Every structure is written in structure tokens, then in C-alpha cells.
PDB file of N, CA and C in Angstrom:
ATOM      1  N   MET A   1      69.444-123.582  68.651  1.00  0.00           N
ATOM      2  CA  MET A   1      70.729-123.272  68.032  1.00  0.00           C
ATOM      3  C   MET A   1      71.805-123.280  69.103  1.00  0.00           C
ATOM      4  N   ALA A   2      72.880-123.941  68.854  1.00  0.00           N
ATOM      5  CA  ALA A   2      74.041-123.881  69.738  1.00  0.00           C
ATOM      6  C   ALA A   2      75.025-122.871  69.164  1.00  0.00           C
ATOM      7  N   VAL A   3      75.594-123.172  68.000  1.00  0.00           N
ATOM      8  CA  VAL A   3      76.545-122.266  67.358  1.00  0.00           C
ATOM      9  C   VAL A   3      76.196-122.164  65.885  1.00  0.00           C
ATOM     10  N   GLU A   4      76.110-120.926  65.413  1.00  0.00           N
ATOM     11  CA  GLU A   4      75.862-120.667  63.995  1.00  0.00           C
ATOM     12  C   GLU A   4      76.969-119.755  63.493  1.00  0.00           C
ATOM     13  N   VAL A   5      77.497-120.096  62.325  1.00  0.00           N
ATOM     14  CA  VAL A   5      78.562-119.317  61.706  1.00  0.00           C
ATOM     15  C   VAL A   5      78.022-118.713  60.421  1.00  0.00           C
ATOM     16  N   SER A   6      78.234-117.421  60.250  1.00  0.00           N
ATOM     17  CA  SER A   6      77.812-116.720  59.042  1.00  0.00           C
ATOM     18  C   SER A   6      79.038-116.045  58.422  1.00  0.00           C
ATOM     19  N   ILE A   7      79.246-116.312  57.150  1.00  0.00           N
ATOM     20  CA  ILE A   7      80.361-115.686  56.419  1.00  0.00           C
ATOM     21  C   ILE A   7      79.783-115.063  55.163  1.00  0.00           C
ATOM     22  N   GLY A   8      79.895-113.746  55.065  1.00  0.00           N
ATOM     23  CA  GLY A   8      79.372-113.047  53.896  1.00  0.00           C
ATOM     24  C   GLY A   8      77.888-113.289  53.686  1.00  0.00           C
ATOM     25  N   GLY A   9      77.149-113.514  54.761  1.00  0.00           N
ATOM     26  CA  GLY A   9      75.715-113.734  54.666  1.00  0.00           C
ATOM     27  C   GLY A   9      75.307-115.187  54.511  1.00  0.00           C
ATOM     28  N   MET A  10      76.252-116.088  54.278  1.00  0.00           N
ATOM     29  CA  MET A  10      75.962-117.527  54.168  1.00  0.00           C
ATOM     30  C   MET A  10      76.067-118.132  55.560  1.00  0.00           C
ATOM     31  N   ARG A  11      74.966-118.735  56.041  1.00  0.00           N
ATOM     32  CA  ARG A  11      74.914-119.266  57.405  1.00  0.00           C
ATOM     33  C   ARG A  11      74.969-120.789  57.433  1.00  0.00           C
ATOM     34  N   ARG A  12      75.671-121.291  58.450  1.00  0.00           N
ATOM     35  CA  ARG A  12      75.712-122.735  58.685  1.00  0.00           C
ATOM     36  C   ARG A  12      75.784-122.997  60.179  1.00  0.00           C
ATOM     37  N   ASN A  13      75.206-124.113  60.581  1.00  0.00           N
ATOM     38  CA  ASN A  13      75.363-124.593  61.939  1.00  0.00           C
ATOM     39  C   ASN A  13      76.797-125.086  62.079  1.00  0.00           C
ATOM     40  N   LEU A  14      77.352-124.982  63.265  1.00  0.00           N
ATOM     41  CA  LEU A  14      78.734-125.392  63.482  1.00  0.00           C
ATOM     42  C   LEU A  14      78.993-126.818  63.018  1.00  0.00           C
ATOM     43  N   THR A  15      78.023-127.696  63.163  1.00  0.00           N
ATOM     44  CA  THR A  15      78.207-129.088  62.753  1.00  0.00           C
ATOM     45  C   THR A  15      78.381-129.230  61.236  1.00  0.00           C
ATOM     46  N   GLU A  16      77.984-128.213  60.477  1.00  0.00           N
ATOM     47  CA  GLU A  16      78.086-128.242  59.010  1.00  0.00           C
ATOM     48  C   GLU A  16      79.272-127.446  58.486  1.00  0.00           C
ATOM     49  N   VAL A  17      79.991-126.785  59.369  1.00  0.00           N
ATOM     50  CA  VAL A  17      81.109-125.920  58.967  1.00  0.00           C
ATOM     51  C   VAL A  17      82.360-126.754  58.763  1.00  0.00           C
ATOM     52  N   THR A  18      83.007-126.547  57.613  1.00  0.00           N
ATOM     53  CA  THR A  18      84.286-127.205  57.338  1.00  0.00           C
ATOM     54  C   THR A  18      85.343-126.137  57.081  1.00  0.00           C
ATOM     55  N   GLU A  19      86.586-126.532  57.223  1.00  0.00           N
ATOM     56  CA  GLU A  19      87.686-125.615  56.949  1.00  0.00           C
ATOM     57  C   GLU A  19      87.617-125.129  55.498  1.00  0.00           C
ATOM     58  N   GLY A  20      87.295-126.015  54.579  1.00  0.00           N
ATOM     59  CA  GLY A  20      87.181-125.636  53.169  1.00  0.00           C
ATOM     60  C   GLY A  20      86.095-124.605  52.934  1.00  0.00           C
ATOM     61  N   TRP A  21      84.952-124.779  53.582  1.00  0.00           N
ATOM     62  CA  TRP A  21      83.861-123.810  53.433  1.00  0.00           C
ATOM     63  C   TRP A  21      84.294-122.436  53.937  1.00  0.00           C
ATOM     64  N   ILE A  22      84.951-122.409  55.077  1.00  0.00           N
ATOM     65  CA  ILE A  22      85.426-121.133  55.636  1.00  0.00           C
ATOM     66  C   ILE A  22      86.367-120.448  54.651  1.00  0.00           C
ATOM     67  N   ARG A  23      87.368-121.187  54.184  1.00  0.00           N
ATOM     68  CA  ARG A  23      88.349-120.606  53.257  1.00  0.00           C
ATOM     69  C   ARG A  23      87.689-120.171  51.940  1.00  0.00           C
ATOM     70  N   ASP A  24      86.785-120.988  51.420  1.00  0.00           N
ATOM     71  CA  ASP A  24      86.109-120.657  50.161  1.00  0.00           C
ATOM     72  C   ASP A  24      85.256-119.398  50.281  1.00  0.00           C
ATOM     73  N   GLU A  25      84.466-119.309  51.342  1.00  0.00           N
ATOM     74  CA  GLU A  25      83.574-118.152  51.502  1.00  0.00           C
ATOM     75  C   GLU A  25      84.362-116.865  51.710  1.00  0.00           C
ATOM     76  N   ILE A  26      85.388-116.918  52.533  1.00  0.00           N
ATOM     77  CA  ILE A  26      86.208-115.720  52.761  1.00  0.00           C
ATOM     78  C   ILE A  26      86.956-115.360  51.486  1.00  0.00           C
ATOM     79  N   GLY A  27      87.537-116.362  50.826  1.00  0.00           N
ATOM     80  CA  GLY A  27      88.271-116.110  49.579  1.00  0.00           C
ATOM     81  C   GLY A  27      87.382-115.553  48.485  1.00  0.00           C
ATOM     82  N   ARG A  28      86.175-116.093  48.366  1.00  0.00           N
ATOM     83  CA  ARG A  28      85.228-115.629  47.342  1.00  0.00           C
ATOM     84  C   ARG A  28      84.859-114.161  47.583  1.00  0.00           C
ATOM     85  N   GLY A  29      84.576-113.830  48.820  1.00  0.00           N
ATOM     86  CA  GLY A  29      84.221-112.449  49.134  1.00  0.00           C
ATOM     87  C   GLY A  29      85.363-111.483  48.875  1.00  0.00           C
ATOM     88  N   ARG A  30      86.552-111.860  49.284  1.00  0.00           N
ATOM     89  CA  ARG A  30      87.709-110.980  49.090  1.00  0.00           C
ATOM     90  C   ARG A  30      88.083-110.869  47.621  1.00  0.00           C
ATOM     91  N   ALA A  31      87.922-111.953  46.869  1.00  0.00           N
ATOM     92  CA  ALA A  31      88.214-111.909  45.431  1.00  0.00           C
ATOM     93  C   ALA A  31      87.258-110.954  44.726  1.00  0.00           C
ATOM     94  N   GLY A  32      86.052-110.818  45.280  1.00  0.00           N
ATOM     95  CA  GLY A  32      85.070-109.890  44.729  1.00  0.00           C
ATOM     96  C   GLY A  32      85.253-108.469  45.240  1.00  0.00           C
ATOM     97  N   GLY A  33      86.330-108.238  45.980  1.00  0.00           N
ATOM     98  CA  GLY A  33      86.617-106.900  46.475  1.00  0.00           C
ATOM     99  C   GLY A  33      85.802-106.489  47.694  1.00  0.00           C
ATOM    100  N   GLN A  34      85.225-107.442  48.376  1.00  0.00           N
ATOM    101  CA  GLN A  34      84.382-107.135  49.528  1.00  0.00           C
ATOM    102  C   GLN A  34      85.152-107.276  50.837  1.00  0.00           C
ATOM    103  N   ASP A  35      84.735-106.495  51.820  1.00  0.00           N
ATOM    104  CA  ASP A  35      85.165-106.728  53.187  1.00  0.00           C
ATOM    105  C   ASP A  35      84.262-107.824  53.714  1.00  0.00           C
ATOM    106  N   VAL A  36      84.824-108.937  54.074  1.00  0.00           N
ATOM    107  CA  VAL A  36      84.038-110.099  54.462  1.00  0.00           C
ATOM    108  C   VAL A  36      83.664-110.025  55.943  1.00  0.00           C
ATOM    109  N   CYS A  37      82.386-110.218  56.211  1.00  0.00           N
ATOM    110  CA  CYS A  37      81.864-110.232  57.575  1.00  0.00           C
ATOM    111  C   CYS A  37      81.750-111.679  58.049  1.00  0.00           C
ATOM    112  N   VAL A  38      82.357-111.965  59.194  1.00  0.00           N
ATOM    113  CA  VAL A  38      82.213-113.268  59.830  1.00  0.00           C
ATOM    114  C   VAL A  38      81.505-113.040  61.157  1.00  0.00           C
ATOM    115  N   LEU A  39      80.410-113.748  61.348  1.00  0.00           N
ATOM    116  CA  LEU A  39      79.623-113.635  62.569  1.00  0.00           C
ATOM    117  C   LEU A  39      79.464-115.027  63.171  1.00  0.00           C
ATOM    118  N   VAL A  40      79.765-115.145  64.456  1.00  0.00           N
ATOM    119  CA  VAL A  40      79.581-116.402  65.172  1.00  0.00           C
ATOM    120  C   VAL A  40      78.602-116.128  66.308  1.00  0.00           C
ATOM    121  N   SER A  41      77.466-116.833  66.283  1.00  0.00           N
ATOM    122  CA  SER A  41      76.440-116.691  67.314  1.00  0.00           C
ATOM    123  C   SER A  41      76.422-117.962  68.143  1.00  0.00           C
ATOM    124  N   ILE A  42      76.516-117.796  69.468  1.00  0.00           N
ATOM    125  CA  ILE A  42      76.540-118.938  70.372  1.00  0.00           C
ATOM    126  C   ILE A  42      75.407-118.769  71.380  1.00  0.00           C
ATOM    127  N   GLU A  43      74.524-119.747  71.406  1.00  0.00           N
ATOM    128  CA  GLU A  43      73.390-119.746  72.340  1.00  0.00           C
ATOM    129  C   GLU A  43      73.306-121.110  72.993  1.00  0.00           C
ATOM    130  N   THR A  44      73.675-121.172  74.251  1.00  0.00           N
ATOM    131  CA  THR A  44      73.542-122.399  75.036  1.00  0.00           C
ATOM    132  C   THR A  44      72.973-122.004  76.392  1.00  0.00           C
ATOM    133  N   ALA A  45      72.908-122.960  77.284  1.00  0.00           N
ATOM    134  CA  ALA A  45      72.392-122.668  78.624  1.00  0.00           C
ATOM    135  C   ALA A  45      73.245-121.621  79.339  1.00  0.00           C
ATOM    136  N   ARG A  46      74.554-121.655  79.130  1.00  0.00           N
ATOM    137  CA  ARG A  46      75.465-120.732  79.836  1.00  0.00           C
ATOM    138  C   ARG A  46      76.119-119.683  78.947  1.00  0.00           C
ATOM    139  N   ILE A  47      75.965-119.796  77.634  1.00  0.00           N
ATOM    140  CA  ILE A  47      76.644-118.880  76.711  1.00  0.00           C
ATOM    141  C   ILE A  47      75.604-118.200  75.827  1.00  0.00           C
ATOM    142  N   HIS A  48      75.618-116.890  75.843  1.00  0.00           N
ATOM    143  CA  HIS A  48      74.729-116.081  74.994  1.00  0.00           C
ATOM    144  C   HIS A  48      75.582-114.948  74.433  1.00  0.00           C
ATOM    145  N   ILE A  49      76.159-115.180  73.261  1.00  0.00           N
ATOM    146  CA  ILE A  49      77.103-114.193  72.739  1.00  0.00           C
ATOM    147  C   ILE A  49      77.117-114.211  71.217  1.00  0.00           C
ATOM    148  N   ASN A  50      77.296-113.034  70.630  1.00  0.00           N
ATOM    149  CA  ASN A  50      77.497-112.875  69.192  1.00  0.00           C
ATOM    150  C   ASN A  50      78.846-112.209  68.999  1.00  0.00           C
ATOM    151  N   LEU A  51      79.674-112.814  68.175  1.00  0.00           N
ATOM    152  CA  LEU A  51      80.996-112.275  67.873  1.00  0.00           C
ATOM    153  C   LEU A  51      81.046-111.938  66.391  1.00  0.00           C
ATOM    154  N   ALA A  52      81.598-110.772  66.064  1.00  0.00           N
ATOM    155  CA  ALA A  52      81.633-110.336  64.667  1.00  0.00           C
ATOM    156  C   ALA A  52      82.983-109.703  64.355  1.00  0.00           C
ATOM    157  N   THR A  53      83.465-109.956  63.142  1.00  0.00           N
ATOM    158  CA  THR A  53      84.686-109.293  62.706  1.00  0.00           C
ATOM    159  C   THR A  53      84.391-107.815  62.476  1.00  0.00           C
ATOM    160  N   ARG A  54      85.429-107.017  62.425  1.00  0.00           N
ATOM    161  CA  ARG A  54      85.263-105.561  62.304  1.00  0.00           C
ATOM    162  C   ARG A  54      84.580-105.133  61.013  1.00  0.00           C
ATOM    163  N   SER A  55      84.620-105.983  59.998  1.00  0.00           N
ATOM    164  CA  SER A  55      83.992-105.627  58.723  1.00  0.00           C
ATOM    165  C   SER A  55      82.476-105.781  58.752  1.00  0.00           C
ATOM    166  N   CYS A  56      81.945-106.322  59.822  1.00  0.00           N
ATOM    167  CA  CYS A  56      80.492-106.445  59.955  1.00  0.00           C
ATOM    168  C   CYS A  56      79.931-105.098  60.410  1.00  0.00           C
ATOM    169  N   SER A  57      78.840-104.700  59.813  1.00  0.00           N
ATOM    170  CA  SER A  57      78.210-103.437  60.214  1.00  0.00           C
ATOM    171  C   SER A  57      77.025-103.746  61.116  1.00  0.00           C
ATOM    172  N   LEU A  58      77.357-104.074  62.350  1.00  0.00           N
ATOM    173  CA  LEU A  58      76.340-104.428  63.323  1.00  0.00           C
ATOM    174  C   LEU A  58      76.329-103.394  64.435  1.00  0.00           C
ATOM    175  N   GLY A  59      75.160-103.100  64.907  1.00  0.00           N
ATOM    176  CA  GLY A  59      75.041-102.230  66.065  1.00  0.00           C
ATOM    177  C   GLY A  59      75.044-103.083  67.310  1.00  0.00           C
ATOM    178  N   GLY A  60      74.842-102.456  68.413  1.00  0.00           N
ATOM    179  CA  GLY A  60      74.767-103.219  69.651  1.00  0.00           C
ATOM    180  C   GLY A  60      75.813-102.755  70.619  1.00  0.00           C
ATOM    181  N   GLY A  61      75.708-103.282  71.790  1.00  0.00           N
ATOM    182  CA  GLY A  61      76.628-102.872  72.823  1.00  0.00           C
ATOM    183  C   GLY A  61      77.215-104.077  73.513  1.00  0.00           C
ATOM    184  N   VAL A  62      77.944-103.781  74.556  1.00  0.00           N
ATOM    185  CA  VAL A  62      78.596-104.818  75.332  1.00  0.00           C
ATOM    186  C   VAL A  62      77.780-105.063  76.584  1.00  0.00           C
ATOM    187  N   CYS A  63      77.492-106.306  76.834  1.00  0.00           N
ATOM    188  CA  CYS A  63      76.762-106.648  78.056  1.00  0.00           C
ATOM    189  C   CYS A  63      77.758-107.280  79.025  1.00  0.00           C
ATOM    190  N   SER A  64      77.305-107.537  80.201  1.00  0.00           N
ATOM    191  CA  SER A  64      78.140-108.179  81.203  1.00  0.00           C
ATOM    192  C   SER A  64      78.365-109.632  80.793  1.00  0.00           C
ATOM    193  N   LEU A  65      79.611-110.049  80.771  1.00  0.00           N
ATOM    194  CA  LEU A  65      79.953-111.405  80.353  1.00  0.00           C
ATOM    195  C   LEU A  65      80.214-112.287  81.560  1.00  0.00           C
ATOM    196  N   ASN A  66      79.788-113.537  81.476  1.00  0.00           N
ATOM    197  CA  ASN A  66      80.155-114.484  82.518  1.00  0.00           C
ATOM    198  C   ASN A  66      81.581-114.958  82.225  1.00  0.00           C
ATOM    199  N   PRO A  67      82.227-115.679  83.140  1.00  0.00           N
ATOM    200  CA  PRO A  67      83.627-116.082  82.921  1.00  0.00           C
ATOM    201  C   PRO A  67      83.855-116.889  81.647  1.00  0.00           C
ATOM    202  N   LEU A  68      82.939-117.786  81.302  1.00  0.00           N
ATOM    203  CA  LEU A  68      83.103-118.588  80.085  1.00  0.00           C
ATOM    204  C   LEU A  68      82.993-117.702  78.846  1.00  0.00           C
ATOM    205  N   GLU A  69      82.031-116.805  78.819  1.00  0.00           N
ATOM    206  CA  GLU A  69      81.884-115.876  77.690  1.00  0.00           C
ATOM    207  C   GLU A  69      83.119-114.988  77.568  1.00  0.00           C
ATOM    208  N   HIS A  70      83.649-114.553  78.698  1.00  0.00           N
ATOM    209  CA  HIS A  70      84.855-113.714  78.687  1.00  0.00           C
ATOM    210  C   HIS A  70      86.021-114.484  78.064  1.00  0.00           C
ATOM    211  N   ARG A  71      86.162-115.756  78.397  1.00  0.00           N
ATOM    212  CA  ARG A  71      87.237-116.567  77.809  1.00  0.00           C
ATOM    213  C   ARG A  71      87.027-116.740  76.311  1.00  0.00           C
ATOM    214  N   ILE A  72      85.782-116.844  75.882  1.00  0.00           N
ATOM    215  CA  ILE A  72      85.491-116.977  74.451  1.00  0.00           C
ATOM    216  C   ILE A  72      85.869-115.693  73.716  1.00  0.00           C
ATOM    217  N   VAL A  73      85.567-114.540  74.291  1.00  0.00           N
ATOM    218  CA  VAL A  73      85.947-113.258  73.682  1.00  0.00           C
ATOM    219  C   VAL A  73      87.469-113.146  73.615  1.00  0.00           C
ATOM    220  N   GLU A  74      88.160-113.547  74.657  1.00  0.00           N
ATOM    221  CA  GLU A  74      89.628-113.523  74.649  1.00  0.00           C
ATOM    222  C   GLU A  74      90.171-114.432  73.559  1.00  0.00           C
ATOM    223  N   LEU A  75      89.543-115.577  73.364  1.00  0.00           N
ATOM    224  CA  LEU A  75      89.941-116.516  72.321  1.00  0.00           C
ATOM    225  C   LEU A  75      89.754-115.894  70.936  1.00  0.00           C
ATOM    226  N   TRP A  76      88.617-115.234  70.720  1.00  0.00           N
ATOM    227  CA  TRP A  76      88.330-114.535  69.465  1.00  0.00           C
ATOM    228  C   TRP A  76      89.441-113.524  69.162  1.00  0.00           C
ATOM    229  N   THR A  77      89.790-112.761  70.175  1.00  0.00           N
ATOM    230  CA  THR A  77      90.827-111.734  70.021  1.00  0.00           C
ATOM    231  C   THR A  77      92.186-112.368  69.749  1.00  0.00           C
ATOM    232  N   SER A  78      92.515-113.436  70.478  1.00  0.00           N
ATOM    233  CA  SER A  78      93.823-114.077  70.301  1.00  0.00           C
ATOM    234  C   SER A  78      93.973-114.704  68.913  1.00  0.00           C
ATOM    235  N   CYS A  79      92.864-115.009  68.256  1.00  0.00           N
ATOM    236  CA  CYS A  79      92.907-115.568  66.899  1.00  0.00           C
ATOM    237  C   CYS A  79      92.932-114.468  65.830  1.00  0.00           C
ATOM    238  N   GLY A  80      93.014-113.213  66.264  1.00  0.00           N
ATOM    239  CA  GLY A  80      93.120-112.091  65.328  1.00  0.00           C
ATOM    240  C   GLY A  80      91.820-111.689  64.671  1.00  0.00           C
ATOM    241  N   LEU A  81      90.691-112.104  65.232  1.00  0.00           N
ATOM    242  CA  LEU A  81      89.416-111.858  64.566  1.00  0.00           C
ATOM    243  C   LEU A  81      88.816-110.496  64.883  1.00  0.00           C
ATOM    244  N   ASN A  82      89.487-109.724  65.704  1.00  0.00           N
ATOM    245  CA  ASN A  82      89.047-108.351  65.947  1.00  0.00           C
ATOM    246  C   ASN A  82      89.825-107.369  65.072  1.00  0.00           C
ATOM    247  N   GLU A  83      90.606-107.885  64.140  1.00  0.00           N
ATOM    248  CA  GLU A  83      91.381-107.054  63.216  1.00  0.00           C
ATOM    249  C   GLU A  83      90.699-107.031  61.852  1.00  0.00           C
ATOM    250  N   TYR A  84      90.836-105.916  61.137  1.00  0.00           N
ATOM    251  CA  TYR A  84      90.273-105.843  59.783  1.00  0.00           C
ATOM    252  C   TYR A  84      90.936-106.857  58.850  1.00  0.00           C
ATOM    253  N   SER A  85      92.190-107.137  59.089  1.00  0.00           N
ATOM    254  CA  SER A  85      92.953-108.020  58.201  1.00  0.00           C
ATOM    255  C   SER A  85      92.985-109.462  58.714  1.00  0.00           C
ATOM    256  N   PHE A  86      91.896-109.935  59.303  1.00  0.00           N
ATOM    257  CA  PHE A  86      91.862-111.304  59.830  1.00  0.00           C
ATOM    258  C   PHE A  86      92.046-112.310  58.698  1.00  0.00           C
ATOM    259  N   GLU A  87      92.488-113.492  59.071  1.00  0.00           N
ATOM    260  CA  GLU A  87      92.731-114.561  58.107  1.00  0.00           C
ATOM    261  C   GLU A  87      91.715-115.686  58.295  1.00  0.00           C
ATOM    262  N   ALA A  88      91.454-116.416  57.235  1.00  0.00           N
ATOM    263  CA  ALA A  88      90.570-117.582  57.320  1.00  0.00           C
ATOM    264  C   ALA A  88      91.112-118.570  58.343  1.00  0.00           C
ATOM    265  N   SER A  89      92.429-118.694  58.420  1.00  0.00           N
ATOM    266  CA  SER A  89      93.031-119.621  59.386  1.00  0.00           C
ATOM    267  C   SER A  89      92.699-119.221  60.821  1.00  0.00           C
ATOM    268  N   GLY A  90      92.489-117.927  61.071  1.00  0.00           N
ATOM    269  CA  GLY A  90      92.087-117.469  62.397  1.00  0.00           C
ATOM    270  C   GLY A  90      90.684-117.934  62.746  1.00  0.00           C
ATOM    271  N   VAL A  91      89.792-117.935  61.762  1.00  0.00           N
ATOM    272  CA  VAL A  91      88.421-118.417  61.981  1.00  0.00           C
ATOM    273  C   VAL A  91      88.457-119.916  62.275  1.00  0.00           C
ATOM    274  N   VAL A  92      89.235-120.645  61.487  1.00  0.00           N
ATOM    275  CA  VAL A  92      89.366-122.090  61.683  1.00  0.00           C
ATOM    276  C   VAL A  92      89.918-122.375  63.078  1.00  0.00           C
ATOM    277  N   ALA A  93      90.975-121.667  63.458  1.00  0.00           N
ATOM    278  CA  ALA A  93      91.588-121.876  64.775  1.00  0.00           C
ATOM    279  C   ALA A  93      90.604-121.549  65.895  1.00  0.00           C
ATOM    280  N   PHE A  94      89.855-120.449  65.745  1.00  0.00           N
ATOM    281  CA  PHE A  94      88.890-120.074  66.771  1.00  0.00           C
ATOM    282  C   PHE A  94      87.855-121.175  66.974  1.00  0.00           C
ATOM    283  N   LEU A  95      87.309-121.693  65.892  1.00  0.00           N
ATOM    284  CA  LEU A  95      86.266-122.717  66.008  1.00  0.00           C
ATOM    285  C   LEU A  95      86.808-124.006  66.625  1.00  0.00           C
ATOM    286  N   HIS A  96      88.046-124.377  66.286  1.00  0.00           N
ATOM    287  CA  HIS A  96      88.661-125.553  66.903  1.00  0.00           C
ATOM    288  C   HIS A  96      88.849-125.332  68.401  1.00  0.00           C
ATOM    289  N   LYS A  97      89.363-124.164  68.756  1.00  0.00           N
ATOM    290  CA  LYS A  97      89.603-123.863  70.167  1.00  0.00           C
ATOM    291  C   LYS A  97      88.300-123.698  70.938  1.00  0.00           C
ATOM    292  N   LEU A  98      87.270-123.165  70.273  1.00  0.00           N
ATOM    293  CA  LEU A  98      85.961-123.035  70.904  1.00  0.00           C
ATOM    294  C   LEU A  98      85.415-124.417  71.267  1.00  0.00           C
ATOM    295  N   ARG A  99      85.552-125.361  70.355  1.00  0.00           N
ATOM    296  CA  ARG A  99      85.089-126.727  70.630  1.00  0.00           C
ATOM    297  C   ARG A  99      85.832-127.314  71.834  1.00  0.00           C
ATOM    298  N   ALA A 100      87.131-127.041  71.928  1.00  0.00           N
ATOM    299  CA  ALA A 100      87.908-127.559  73.057  1.00  0.00           C
ATOM    300  C   ALA A 100      87.508-126.872  74.361  1.00  0.00           C
ATOM    301  N   LEU A 101      87.286-125.573  74.313  1.00  0.00           N
ATOM    302  CA  LEU A 101      86.966-124.795  75.506  1.00  0.00           C
ATOM    303  C   LEU A 101      85.568-125.088  76.030  1.00  0.00           C
ATOM    304  N   ALA A 102      84.607-125.151  75.137  1.00  0.00           N
ATOM    305  CA  ALA A 102      83.204-125.262  75.549  1.00  0.00           C
ATOM    306  C   ALA A 102      82.532-126.487  74.958  1.00  0.00           C
ATOM    307  N   GLY A 103      83.297-127.498  74.647  1.00  0.00           N
ATOM    308  CA  GLY A 103      82.778-128.680  73.961  1.00  0.00           C
ATOM    309  C   GLY A 103      81.576-129.316  74.612  1.00  0.00           C
ATOM    310  N   SER A 104      81.645-129.572  75.915  1.00  0.00           N
ATOM    311  CA  SER A 104      80.519-130.242  76.584  1.00  0.00           C
ATOM    312  C   SER A 104      79.285-129.355  76.565  1.00  0.00           C
ATOM    313  N   GLU A 105      79.472-128.053  76.699  1.00  0.00           N
ATOM    314  CA  GLU A 105      78.356-127.103  76.652  1.00  0.00           C
ATOM    315  C   GLU A 105      77.724-127.102  75.265  1.00  0.00           C
ATOM    316  N   LEU A 106      78.556-127.172  74.227  1.00  0.00           N
ATOM    317  CA  LEU A 106      78.040-127.149  72.853  1.00  0.00           C
ATOM    318  C   LEU A 106      77.353-128.466  72.503  1.00  0.00           C
ATOM    319  N   ARG A 107      77.898-129.571  72.953  1.00  0.00           N
ATOM    320  CA  ARG A 107      77.276-130.876  72.673  1.00  0.00           C
ATOM    321  C   ARG A 107      75.922-131.005  73.352  1.00  0.00           C
ATOM    322  N   ALA A 108      75.776-130.406  74.499  1.00  0.00           N
ATOM    323  CA  ALA A 108      74.506-130.493  75.232  1.00  0.00           C
ATOM    324  C   ALA A 108      73.367-129.831  74.472  1.00  0.00           C
ATOM    325  N   CYS A 109      73.700-128.900  73.587  1.00  0.00           N
ATOM    326  CA  CYS A 109      72.677-128.167  72.835  1.00  0.00           C
ATOM    327  C   CYS A 109      72.585-128.612  71.386  1.00  0.00           C
ATOM    328  N   ALA A 110      73.377-129.567  70.991  1.00  0.00           N
ATOM    329  CA  ALA A 110      73.369-129.996  69.586  1.00  0.00           C
ATOM    330  C   ALA A 110      72.115-130.752  69.240  1.00  0.00           C
TER     331      ALA A 110
END
């Protein structure tokens, strides 16, 4: 696995994720009155990180991040995904920027 995206419990590999799927899954969950959980898991040779929106009820702690992982966390935050009121457009933007930031690393594991 390189990158896996989970929205409301529905999982897809990054290569299968589309902007429409992101918007549909988040919209469907919110229309049903749910707090939607978005989880992005990244496992490559240099990146080992799980990112989750605040609506996810996950335990765990913070480990020491390497510089690339730290930049990915900063990117997550800059896209508003650490807020309860995150937008689907923030998820889309994060994934686009993630591909630009770590593209060669992600392609190596595809």
C-alpha cells in the first residue's frame, strides 16, 4: 500500500480516488447527519503516517516525524483538515498537493 483514503468507512487506493467520490462520500455522510471521518494512510519507504480528521475516533499518539512527514502534516493542516468543519475541497486539495510533494515516492510504491 502506498496511499489509502477512507471516507466514512469506505476505503480506496489513491489511484482509485476521484474528486467526485470524495465529494459524494462526504456529502452523503453529512446529509445523513453524521460527522464524517476522513483517514489518509501513507506507507512508503520513507513515509509512515496516518492522518485523520477530528471527527475520527482514533487513539494513538504522535511519533517522531522525518522532514517529509512533517511537511505532509503541515500540508494537512494548511488544507483545513484538522478542523471539525473541514470541506471536501480541502481533501481534494490535500491529495493534489500530496502528489506534487511526494509524487516520486508514491509512484515508487504503486
